[in-house]
């Protein structure tokens, strides 16, 4: 229990010799004299008592203090930074935006263009409204084509395989789809052969698209062939198509990502 400071008064008596006037007369001479008298004076002496204040609280043990510290840390809400194996954690905020592509918006359409592909003024096909090609290899390129639609929907052109045959000129001059018994797989007078690899018919905003992949090879064996992708749909009486391609050698060295990314992002307004 805490003890308070105290002030204790102690009275001490001691004798003080002083002078006191007396009216008594010396009997011998008849003159008044002053006689020394002794008077007791009480003096006070103060004694100050001091005591240290002590807390009336049990001491906190080391173990309890550590436990309280740990609990405080655990109560702090911190958002951890997660990262996939082999990747650095992004501790500064939202993931970085993919800068491999640049958004492009044309008249009635939009798509993502590979960032390292530059616009080209070349018009390889009738109806070309936009073209871009790889800075390092012009074999890798894309074209957006708009033509008057002969059908009210993309399905009106038949199945994806039929659509490809109707627009075979997009895959090279004299491109031939089908089987042949000639040497090297090329029909007489044909300089290019195309193989239909597959198709998808996704709906985007309620509108059907044909996404088609074709592999073409030429008689000279240039590039070992070309991977060519098309996305097409019909909107407001117009046939919209994007065709993108990359050489077979570069296809498996990273070009696939850019060709597929551009074609899959294509959509009409």
Protein backbone atom coordinates (compact mmCIF):
# COMPACT_ATOMS: atom_id res chain seq x y z
CA UNK A 1 0.00 0.00 0.00
CA UNK A 2 1.37 3.42 -0.88
CA UNK A 3 2.63 5.53 2.01
CA UNK A 4 2.33 9.28 1.80
CA UNK A 5 4.92 11.81 2.82
CA UNK A 6 4.53 13.09 6.38
CA UNK A 7 5.64 16.17 8.22
CA UNK A 8 6.26 15.62 11.99
CA UNK A 9 6.58 18.48 14.41
CA UNK A 10 8.77 17.94 17.48
CA UNK A 11 8.86 20.44 20.36
CA UNK A 12 12.11 20.79 22.18
CA UNK A 13 12.71 22.92 25.22
CA UNK A 14 16.03 24.48 25.94
CA UNK A 15 17.26 27.31 28.19
CA UNK A 16 18.05 30.70 26.81
CA UNK A 17 19.91 33.20 28.83
CA UNK A 18 18.62 36.68 28.30
CA UNK A 19 18.24 40.03 30.01
CA UNK A 20 15.08 40.96 31.76
CA UNK A 21 14.41 44.36 33.38
CA UNK A 22 13.59 44.12 37.07
CA UNK A 23 12.17 46.85 39.29
CA UNK A 24 13.84 45.45 42.37
CA UNK A 25 16.39 47.67 44.08
CA UNK A 26 19.70 46.83 45.39
CA UNK A 27 19.28 46.81 49.09
CA UNK A 28 22.77 48.07 49.68
CA UNK A 29 22.82 51.06 47.42
CA UNK A 30 19.19 51.71 46.79
CA UNK A 31 19.83 51.76 43.00
CA UNK A 32 17.83 49.73 40.63
CA UNK A 33 19.81 47.13 38.86
CA UNK A 34 19.16 44.73 36.06
CA UNK A 35 19.51 41.17 37.05
CA UNK A 36 20.13 38.36 34.65
CA UNK A 37 17.35 35.92 34.54
CA UNK A 38 17.00 32.58 32.96
CA UNK A 39 13.95 31.92 30.66
CA UNK A 40 12.97 28.70 29.16
CA UNK A 41 11.91 29.07 25.47
CA UNK A 42 10.18 26.32 23.62
CA UNK A 43 11.57 25.84 20.10
CA UNK A 44 10.07 23.76 17.40
CA UNK A 45 12.03 21.44 15.23
CA UNK A 46 10.46 20.02 12.05
CA UNK A 47 11.29 16.58 10.88
CA UNK A 48 10.29 15.73 7.31
CA UNK A 49 9.34 12.13 6.62
CA UNK A 50 9.51 10.97 3.04
CA UNK A 51 8.48 7.66 1.61
CA UNK A 52 8.65 6.31 -1.97
CA UNK A 53 5.25 5.70 -3.54
CA UNK A 54 4.85 2.13 -4.60
CA UNK A 55 2.26 0.85 -6.98
CA UNK A 56 -0.34 -1.31 -5.39
CA UNK A 57 -0.36 -3.52 -8.53
CA UNK A 58 1.22 -6.94 -8.86
CA UNK A 59 4.31 -6.95 -11.13
CA UNK A 60 3.74 -8.26 -14.65
CA UNK A 61 5.85 -11.26 -15.36
CA UNK A 62 8.15 -11.42 -18.38
CA UNK A 63 6.09 -14.25 -19.86
CA UNK A 64 2.86 -12.27 -19.63
CA UNK A 65 4.50 -9.25 -21.26
CA UNK A 66 5.74 -11.30 -24.19
CA UNK A 67 2.32 -12.91 -24.62
CA UNK A 68 0.66 -9.50 -24.71
CA UNK A 69 3.14 -8.27 -27.33
CA UNK A 70 2.54 -11.27 -29.57
CA UNK A 71 -1.22 -10.87 -29.26
CA UNK A 72 -0.96 -7.23 -30.30
CA UNK A 73 0.94 -8.16 -33.44
CA UNK A 74 -1.55 -10.89 -34.31
CA UNK A 75 -4.40 -8.42 -33.98
CA UNK A 76 -2.88 -6.17 -36.62
CA UNK A 77 -4.53 -6.80 -39.98
CA UNK A 78 -1.93 -6.92 -42.73
CA UNK A 79 -2.55 -7.94 -46.33
CA UNK A 80 0.11 -10.40 -47.49
CA UNK A 81 1.62 -10.19 -50.96
CA UNK A 82 1.12 -13.43 -52.80
CA UNK A 83 3.19 -14.54 -55.79
CA UNK A 84 3.23 -17.59 -57.97
CA UNK A 85 6.30 -19.77 -57.85
CA UNK A 86 9.13 -18.08 -59.70
CA UNK A 87 7.47 -14.65 -59.63
CA UNK A 88 8.17 -11.65 -57.45
CA UNK A 89 5.46 -10.56 -55.05
CA UNK A 90 3.81 -7.27 -55.95
CA UNK A 91 3.89 -5.50 -52.59
CA UNK A 92 3.12 -2.06 -53.97
CA UNK A 93 -0.42 -2.54 -55.26
CA UNK A 94 -2.37 -3.93 -58.17
CA UNK A 95 -0.72 -6.20 -60.75
CA UNK A 96 0.96 -4.48 -63.62
CA UNK A 97 -1.05 -4.08 -66.80
CA UNK A 98 0.00 -6.22 -69.76
CA UNK A 99 1.96 -3.96 -72.09
CA UNK A 100 2.39 -6.60 -74.81
CA UNK A 101 -0.63 -5.20 -76.66
CA UNK A 102 -2.01 -1.77 -77.54
CA UNK A 103 -5.74 -1.20 -77.92
CA UNK A 104 -6.86 -0.03 -81.36
CA UNK A 105 -10.32 1.28 -82.24
CA UNK A 106 -11.36 1.61 -85.86
CA UNK A 107 -14.58 2.42 -87.64
CA UNK A 108 -17.07 -0.06 -86.22
CA UNK A 109 -14.51 -2.42 -84.67
CA UNK A 110 -11.77 -2.72 -82.06
CA UNK A 111 -8.90 -5.09 -81.29
CA UNK A 112 -5.61 -5.41 -79.42
CA UNK A 113 -2.54 -5.01 -81.61
CA UNK A 114 0.85 -6.42 -80.57
CA UNK A 115 2.82 -3.51 -79.13
CA UNK A 116 5.83 -4.15 -81.38
CA UNK A 117 3.78 -4.26 -84.59
CA UNK A 118 3.61 -1.00 -86.53
CA UNK A 119 0.83 0.24 -88.83
CA UNK A 120 1.39 -0.50 -92.52
CA UNK A 121 -0.11 1.29 -95.52
CA UNK A 122 0.00 -1.84 -97.63
CA UNK A 123 -3.43 -3.04 -98.79
CA UNK A 124 -2.96 -6.73 -99.41
CA UNK A 125 -6.68 -7.48 -99.81
CA UNK A 126 -9.73 -5.68 -101.09
CA UNK A 127 -11.58 -3.93 -98.30
CA UNK A 128 -8.52 -3.57 -96.03
CA UNK A 129 -9.09 -0.72 -93.58
CA UNK A 130 -6.21 -1.40 -91.21
CA UNK A 131 -2.94 -3.33 -91.38
CA UNK A 132 -0.01 -3.82 -88.99
CA UNK A 133 3.16 -5.87 -89.18
CA UNK A 134 5.95 -7.05 -86.91
CA UNK A 135 8.91 -4.66 -86.67
CA UNK A 136 11.36 -7.54 -86.96
CA UNK A 137 9.64 -9.85 -89.43
CA UNK A 138 6.99 -8.63 -91.88
CA UNK A 139 5.80 -12.23 -92.30
CA UNK A 140 3.98 -11.67 -89.01
CA UNK A 141 1.12 -9.29 -89.75
CA UNK A 142 -2.60 -8.68 -89.50
CA UNK A 143 -5.27 -7.07 -91.67
CA UNK A 144 -8.78 -5.87 -90.86
CA UNK A 145 -11.12 -6.24 -93.81
CA UNK A 146 -14.66 -4.85 -94.22
CA UNK A 147 -16.82 -5.96 -97.14
CA UNK A 148 -20.51 -5.64 -98.02
CA UNK A 149 -22.23 -8.65 -96.46
CA UNK A 150 -24.07 -11.03 -98.76
CA UNK A 151 -25.71 -12.70 -95.78
CA UNK A 152 -27.57 -11.33 -92.78
CA UNK A 153 -25.39 -13.30 -90.33
CA UNK A 154 -22.11 -15.16 -90.35
CA UNK A 155 -23.99 -18.47 -90.21
CA UNK A 156 -25.47 -17.59 -93.62
CA UNK A 157 -22.05 -18.33 -95.18
CA UNK A 158 -22.32 -21.94 -94.10
CA UNK A 159 -20.13 -23.87 -91.68
CA UNK A 160 -16.65 -22.52 -90.86
CA UNK A 161 -15.09 -24.92 -93.42
CA UNK A 162 -17.37 -23.56 -96.16
CA UNK A 163 -16.58 -20.00 -95.14
CA UNK A 164 -12.85 -20.72 -95.51
CA UNK A 165 -13.33 -22.07 -99.05
CA UNK A 166 -15.30 -18.97 -100.06
CA UNK A 167 -12.48 -16.72 -98.89
CA UNK A 168 -9.52 -18.94 -99.74
CA UNK A 169 -7.76 -16.02 -101.46
CA UNK A 170 -6.98 -14.64 -97.99
CA UNK A 171 -4.52 -17.49 -97.45
CA UNK A 172 -2.41 -17.01 -100.55
CA UNK A 173 -2.73 -17.08 -104.30
CA UNK A 174 -4.17 -20.27 -105.69
CA UNK A 175 -4.55 -21.75 -102.22
CA UNK A 176 -6.01 -25.23 -102.40
CA UNK A 177 -8.06 -26.94 -99.71
CA UNK A 178 -8.37 -30.67 -100.08
CA UNK A 179 -6.48 -33.83 -100.82
CA UNK A 180 -4.08 -34.30 -103.69
CA UNK A 181 -1.99 -37.17 -104.99
CA UNK A 182 0.68 -34.99 -106.57
CA UNK A 183 4.26 -35.09 -105.34
CA UNK A 184 4.84 -32.94 -102.28
CA UNK A 185 1.10 -32.59 -101.70
CA UNK A 186 0.65 -29.77 -104.24
CA UNK A 187 -1.82 -29.95 -107.09
CA UNK A 188 -0.51 -29.06 -110.52
CA UNK A 189 -0.44 -25.28 -110.93
CA UNK A 190 -1.05 -24.67 -107.23
CA UNK A 191 1.59 -22.77 -105.27
CA UNK A 192 0.09 -23.08 -101.80
CA UNK A 193 -1.69 -25.73 -99.79
CA UNK A 194 -3.89 -25.02 -96.78
CA UNK A 195 -4.84 -27.32 -93.93
CA UNK A 196 -7.93 -26.56 -91.88
CA UNK A 197 -6.84 -26.96 -88.24
CA UNK A 198 -9.98 -26.02 -86.40
CA UNK A 199 -12.70 -23.48 -85.68
CA UNK A 200 -14.72 -21.96 -82.86
CA UNK A 201 -18.07 -20.18 -82.97
CA UNK A 202 -18.23 -18.01 -79.82
CA UNK A 203 -20.92 -15.45 -79.12
CA UNK A 204 -19.78 -11.97 -78.14
CA UNK A 205 -22.47 -9.51 -77.05
CA UNK A 206 -25.04 -11.84 -78.56
CA UNK A 207 -23.35 -11.97 -81.97
CA UNK A 208 -21.78 -15.13 -83.43
CA UNK A 209 -18.17 -15.05 -84.61
CA UNK A 210 -16.24 -17.57 -86.67
CA UNK A 211 -12.69 -18.04 -85.40
CA UNK A 212 -10.74 -20.24 -87.76
CA UNK A 213 -7.16 -21.55 -87.81
CA UNK A 214 -5.45 -22.61 -91.01
CA UNK A 215 -1.90 -23.77 -91.71
CA UNK A 216 -0.63 -22.94 -95.18
CA UNK A 217 2.51 -24.24 -96.84
CA UNK A 218 4.07 -23.04 -100.06
CA UNK A 219 5.90 -24.90 -102.78
CA UNK A 220 9.18 -23.17 -101.88
CA UNK A 221 8.83 -24.20 -98.24
CA UNK A 222 9.32 -20.62 -97.05
CA UNK A 223 9.14 -20.31 -93.25
CA UNK A 224 8.09 -23.94 -93.04
CA UNK A 225 4.50 -22.77 -93.44
CA UNK A 226 2.32 -20.04 -91.97
CA UNK A 227 -0.21 -20.16 -89.17
CA UNK A 228 -3.17 -18.01 -90.22
CA UNK A 229 -6.10 -17.12 -88.00
CA UNK A 230 -9.36 -15.42 -88.92
CA UNK A 231 -12.17 -13.95 -86.87
CA UNK A 232 -15.29 -12.91 -88.79
CA UNK A 233 -18.83 -11.71 -88.12
CA UNK A 234 -21.63 -9.77 -89.78
CA UNK A 235 -22.93 -6.46 -88.42
CA UNK A 236 -25.15 -3.77 -89.95
CA UNK A 237 -24.94 -5.26 -93.44
CA UNK A 238 -21.14 -5.55 -93.40
CA UNK A 239 -18.80 -8.52 -93.17
CA UNK A 240 -16.02 -7.78 -90.68
CA UNK A 241 -12.87 -9.91 -90.71
CA UNK A 242 -9.45 -9.82 -89.12
CA UNK A 243 -6.73 -12.10 -90.46
CA UNK A 244 -3.46 -12.48 -88.59
CA UNK A 245 -0.52 -14.72 -89.39
CA UNK A 246 2.97 -15.75 -88.30
CA UNK A 247 5.64 -17.99 -89.79
CA UNK A 248 5.75 -21.52 -88.41
CA UNK A 249 9.29 -21.06 -87.06
CA UNK A 250 8.35 -17.96 -85.08
CA UNK A 251 4.95 -19.35 -84.10
CA UNK A 252 6.54 -21.62 -81.53
CA UNK A 253 9.01 -18.96 -80.41
CA UNK A 254 6.40 -16.56 -79.06
CA UNK A 255 4.50 -15.26 -82.10
CA UNK A 256 1.53 -17.51 -81.29
CA UNK A 257 0.67 -15.36 -78.27
CA UNK A 258 0.44 -12.20 -80.36
CA UNK A 259 -1.50 -13.64 -83.28
CA UNK A 260 -4.06 -15.37 -81.05
CA UNK A 261 -4.31 -12.36 -78.75
CA UNK A 262 -5.11 -10.01 -81.63
CA UNK A 263 -7.66 -12.31 -83.27
CA UNK A 264 -9.45 -13.23 -80.03
CA UNK A 265 -9.78 -9.56 -79.03
CA UNK A 266 -11.45 -8.55 -82.32
CA UNK A 267 -15.04 -7.36 -81.91
CA UNK A 268 -17.49 -5.12 -83.73
CA UNK A 269 -19.06 -2.06 -82.14
